[in-house]
Amino acid sequence: MEKDRTEICKIVSEMLDNPGECEIYPTTKAYDALEEYVEGVRIEAIGWATADACVALDEGQDYRKIEVPSILARALVDLA
């Protein structure tokens, strides 16, 4: 997803543009930022999946019978 690539590039660029003492890149800070981003994306995805399942149930659909590619297609649009 373009949103993910943009955020990753931002974090890596921040690291490369700001070397610390002895020209050492702050990799720990970059790794922490990447981990925080991934955790946030996971939380967003879990929330989206829960909401998607609830909407399907409200509409009388059996969520277990919905094909995964269909769910993924909606997620890619909604979470982009």
N, C-alpha and C. Protein backbone atom coordinates (compact mmCIF):
# COMPACT_ATOMS: atom_id res chain seq x y z
N MET A 1 0.85 -1.18 0.00
CA MET A 1 0.00 0.00 0.00
C MET A 1 0.89 1.24 0.00
N GLU A 2 0.45 2.22 -0.72
CA GLU A 2 1.22 3.46 -0.85
C GLU A 2 1.41 4.15 0.51
N LYS A 3 0.36 4.09 1.34
CA LYS A 3 0.43 4.71 2.66
C LYS A 3 1.58 4.11 3.49
N ASP A 4 1.73 2.79 3.43
CA ASP A 4 2.78 2.12 4.19
C ASP A 4 4.16 2.51 3.66
N ARG A 5 4.31 2.50 2.35
CA ARG A 5 5.61 2.85 1.76
C ARG A 5 6.00 4.27 2.13
N THR A 6 5.04 5.18 2.09
CA THR A 6 5.31 6.57 2.44
C THR A 6 5.80 6.68 3.88
N GLU A 7 5.14 6.01 4.79
CA GLU A 7 5.52 6.07 6.21
C GLU A 7 6.89 5.43 6.44
N ILE A 8 7.14 4.30 5.80
CA ILE A 8 8.44 3.63 5.95
C ILE A 8 9.55 4.52 5.41
N CYS A 9 9.33 5.12 4.24
CA CYS A 9 10.34 6.02 3.67
C CYS A 9 10.59 7.22 4.58
N LYS A 10 9.54 7.73 5.19
CA LYS A 10 9.68 8.86 6.11
C LYS A 10 10.57 8.48 7.30
N ILE A 11 10.33 7.31 7.87
CA ILE A 11 11.10 6.86 9.04
C ILE A 11 12.56 6.62 8.66
N VAL A 12 12.78 5.95 7.54
CA VAL A 12 14.15 5.66 7.12
C VAL A 12 14.88 6.95 6.73
N SER A 13 14.19 7.85 6.04
CA SER A 13 14.81 9.13 5.67
C SER A 13 15.20 9.93 6.90
N GLU A 14 14.34 9.93 7.91
CA GLU A 14 14.63 10.63 9.16
C GLU A 14 15.92 10.08 9.78
N MET A 15 16.06 8.76 9.76
CA MET A 15 17.26 8.14 10.31
C MET A 15 18.50 8.54 9.50
N LEU A 16 18.40 8.44 8.18
CA LEU A 16 19.57 8.71 7.34
C LEU A 16 19.95 10.19 7.31
N ASP A 17 18.99 11.05 7.52
CA ASP A 17 19.25 12.49 7.51
C ASP A 17 19.80 13.01 8.83
N ASN A 18 19.80 12.18 9.87
CA ASN A 18 20.20 12.63 11.20
C ASN A 18 21.17 11.68 11.88
N PRO A 19 22.35 11.48 11.31
CA PRO A 19 23.33 10.63 11.99
C PRO A 19 23.76 11.28 13.30
N GLY A 20 24.04 10.45 14.27
CA GLY A 20 24.43 10.94 15.59
C GLY A 20 25.93 11.10 15.70
N GLU A 21 26.41 10.92 16.91
CA GLU A 21 27.85 11.02 17.17
C GLU A 21 28.61 10.04 16.27
N CYS A 22 29.76 10.46 15.83
CA CYS A 22 30.64 9.62 15.01
C CYS A 22 29.94 9.16 13.72
N GLU A 23 28.95 9.94 13.27
CA GLU A 23 28.23 9.61 12.03
C GLU A 23 27.54 8.25 12.08
N ILE A 24 27.06 7.88 13.26
CA ILE A 24 26.34 6.61 13.43
C ILE A 24 24.84 6.89 13.29
N TYR A 25 24.19 6.11 12.44
CA TYR A 25 22.75 6.30 12.23
C TYR A 25 21.97 5.79 13.44
N PRO A 26 20.93 6.52 13.81
CA PRO A 26 20.12 6.12 14.97
C PRO A 26 19.15 4.97 14.62
N THR A 27 19.71 3.79 14.39
CA THR A 27 18.87 2.66 13.96
C THR A 27 17.87 2.24 15.03
N THR A 28 18.25 2.31 16.28
CA THR A 28 17.32 1.92 17.34
C THR A 28 16.08 2.79 17.30
N LYS A 29 16.27 4.08 17.12
CA LYS A 29 15.12 5.00 17.03
C LYS A 29 14.27 4.66 15.81
N ALA A 30 14.90 4.34 14.69
CA ALA A 30 14.15 3.98 13.48
C ALA A 30 13.39 2.67 13.68
N TYR A 31 14.05 1.67 14.30
CA TYR A 31 13.38 0.40 14.56
C TYR A 31 12.18 0.61 15.48
N ASP A 32 12.33 1.43 16.49
CA ASP A 32 11.23 1.72 17.41
C ASP A 32 10.06 2.35 16.66
N ALA A 33 10.37 3.31 15.77
CA ALA A 33 9.32 3.98 15.00
C ALA A 33 8.63 3.00 14.05
N LEU A 34 9.40 2.11 13.43
CA LEU A 34 8.81 1.11 12.54
C LEU A 34 7.92 0.14 13.31
N GLU A 35 8.39 -0.31 14.47
CA GLU A 35 7.57 -1.21 15.30
C GLU A 35 6.28 -0.52 15.73
N GLU A 36 6.37 0.75 16.10
CA GLU A 36 5.18 1.50 16.50
C GLU A 36 4.21 1.63 15.32
N TYR A 37 4.74 1.87 14.13
CA TYR A 37 3.88 1.96 12.95
C TYR A 37 3.17 0.64 12.68
N VAL A 38 3.93 -0.47 12.71
CA VAL A 38 3.35 -1.78 12.45
C VAL A 38 2.27 -2.10 13.49
N GLU A 39 2.54 -1.81 14.74
CA GLU A 39 1.54 -2.06 15.79
C GLU A 39 0.26 -1.26 15.52
N GLY A 40 0.42 -0.01 15.13
CA GLY A 40 -0.75 0.82 14.83
C GLY A 40 -1.55 0.28 13.66
N VAL A 41 -0.86 -0.18 12.64
CA VAL A 41 -1.53 -0.74 11.46
C VAL A 41 -2.28 -2.03 11.84
N ARG A 42 -1.65 -2.84 12.68
CA ARG A 42 -2.33 -4.07 13.14
C ARG A 42 -3.60 -3.74 13.90
N ILE A 43 -3.51 -2.77 14.79
CA ILE A 43 -4.69 -2.37 15.57
C ILE A 43 -5.79 -1.88 14.64
N GLU A 44 -5.42 -1.06 13.67
CA GLU A 44 -6.40 -0.55 12.70
C GLU A 44 -7.04 -1.69 11.91
N ALA A 45 -6.23 -2.67 11.49
CA ALA A 45 -6.74 -3.80 10.72
C ALA A 45 -7.69 -4.67 11.55
N ILE A 46 -7.34 -4.90 12.81
CA ILE A 46 -8.22 -5.70 13.67
C ILE A 46 -9.55 -4.98 13.88
N GLY A 47 -9.48 -3.67 14.10
CA GLY A 47 -10.70 -2.89 14.25
C GLY A 47 -11.55 -2.93 13.00
N TRP A 48 -10.90 -2.80 11.84
CA TRP A 48 -11.63 -2.84 10.58
C TRP A 48 -12.31 -4.20 10.40
N ALA A 49 -11.57 -5.29 10.66
CA ALA A 49 -12.12 -6.63 10.47
C ALA A 49 -13.31 -6.88 11.40
N THR A 50 -13.21 -6.39 12.62
CA THR A 50 -14.31 -6.54 13.57
C THR A 50 -15.54 -5.78 13.07
N ALA A 51 -15.33 -4.55 12.63
CA ALA A 51 -16.44 -3.75 12.10
C ALA A 51 -17.04 -4.40 10.86
N ASP A 52 -16.18 -4.92 9.97
CA ASP A 52 -16.67 -5.57 8.75
C ASP A 52 -17.53 -6.78 9.08
N ALA A 53 -17.09 -7.57 10.07
CA ALA A 53 -17.86 -8.74 10.48
C ALA A 53 -19.20 -8.32 11.09
N CYS A 54 -19.19 -7.27 11.88
CA CYS A 54 -20.43 -6.80 12.50
C CYS A 54 -21.43 -6.29 11.46
N VAL A 55 -20.93 -5.58 10.46
CA VAL A 55 -21.81 -5.09 9.39
C VAL A 55 -22.43 -6.27 8.66
N ALA A 56 -21.62 -7.27 8.34
CA ALA A 56 -22.14 -8.46 7.66
C ALA A 56 -23.20 -9.15 8.51
N LEU A 57 -22.94 -9.29 9.79
CA LEU A 57 -23.92 -9.93 10.68
C LEU A 57 -25.20 -9.10 10.76
N ASP A 58 -25.07 -7.77 10.83
CA ASP A 58 -26.25 -6.90 10.87
C ASP A 58 -27.09 -7.05 9.60
N GLU A 59 -26.42 -7.36 8.49
CA GLU A 59 -27.12 -7.54 7.21
C GLU A 59 -27.60 -8.98 7.02
N GLY A 60 -27.43 -9.80 8.04
CA GLY A 60 -27.91 -11.17 7.99
C GLY A 60 -26.99 -12.14 7.27
N GLN A 61 -25.75 -11.74 7.00
CA GLN A 61 -24.81 -12.61 6.31
C GLN A 61 -24.05 -13.47 7.32
N ASP A 62 -23.65 -14.64 6.88
CA ASP A 62 -22.80 -15.51 7.69
C ASP A 62 -21.36 -15.18 7.31
N TYR A 63 -20.65 -14.49 8.18
CA TYR A 63 -19.30 -14.01 7.88
C TYR A 63 -18.35 -15.16 7.56
N ARG A 64 -18.62 -16.32 8.11
CA ARG A 64 -17.76 -17.47 7.86
C ARG A 64 -17.81 -17.91 6.40
N LYS A 65 -18.86 -17.53 5.70
CA LYS A 65 -19.03 -17.95 4.30
C LYS A 65 -18.54 -16.91 3.30
N ILE A 66 -18.08 -15.78 3.77
CA ILE A 66 -17.58 -14.75 2.87
C ILE A 66 -16.15 -15.12 2.48
N GLU A 67 -15.87 -15.10 1.20
CA GLU A 67 -14.54 -15.48 0.70
C GLU A 67 -13.49 -14.45 1.12
N VAL A 68 -12.34 -14.93 1.53
CA VAL A 68 -11.25 -14.06 2.00
C VAL A 68 -10.84 -13.03 0.95
N PRO A 69 -10.73 -13.38 -0.35
CA PRO A 69 -10.37 -12.35 -1.33
C PRO A 69 -11.35 -11.18 -1.35
N SER A 70 -12.61 -11.44 -1.10
CA SER A 70 -13.62 -10.39 -1.05
C SER A 70 -13.38 -9.46 0.15
N ILE A 71 -13.06 -10.07 1.28
CA ILE A 71 -12.77 -9.28 2.49
C ILE A 71 -11.51 -8.45 2.27
N LEU A 72 -10.49 -9.07 1.71
CA LEU A 72 -9.22 -8.37 1.46
C LEU A 72 -9.42 -7.22 0.49
N ALA A 73 -10.20 -7.40 -0.53
CA ALA A 73 -10.45 -6.33 -1.51
C ALA A 73 -11.08 -5.11 -0.82
N ARG A 74 -12.06 -5.35 0.05
CA ARG A 74 -12.70 -4.25 0.78
C ARG A 74 -11.71 -3.58 1.74
N ALA A 75 -10.91 -4.40 2.40
CA ALA A 75 -9.92 -3.84 3.35
C ALA A 75 -8.92 -2.96 2.64
N LEU A 76 -8.44 -3.39 1.48
CA LEU A 76 -7.47 -2.60 0.73
C LEU A 76 -8.03 -1.25 0.33
N VAL A 77 -9.31 -1.20 0.01
CA VAL A 77 -9.95 0.07 -0.35
C VAL A 77 -10.15 0.92 0.90
N ASP A 78 -10.71 0.33 1.94
CA ASP A 78 -11.06 1.10 3.14
C ASP A 78 -9.84 1.57 3.93
N LEU A 79 -8.78 0.77 3.95
CA LEU A 79 -7.62 1.10 4.78
C LEU A 79 -6.52 1.85 4.01
N ALA A 80 -6.75 2.06 2.72
CA ALA A 80 -5.73 2.76 1.92
C ALA A 80 -5.56 4.21 2.33
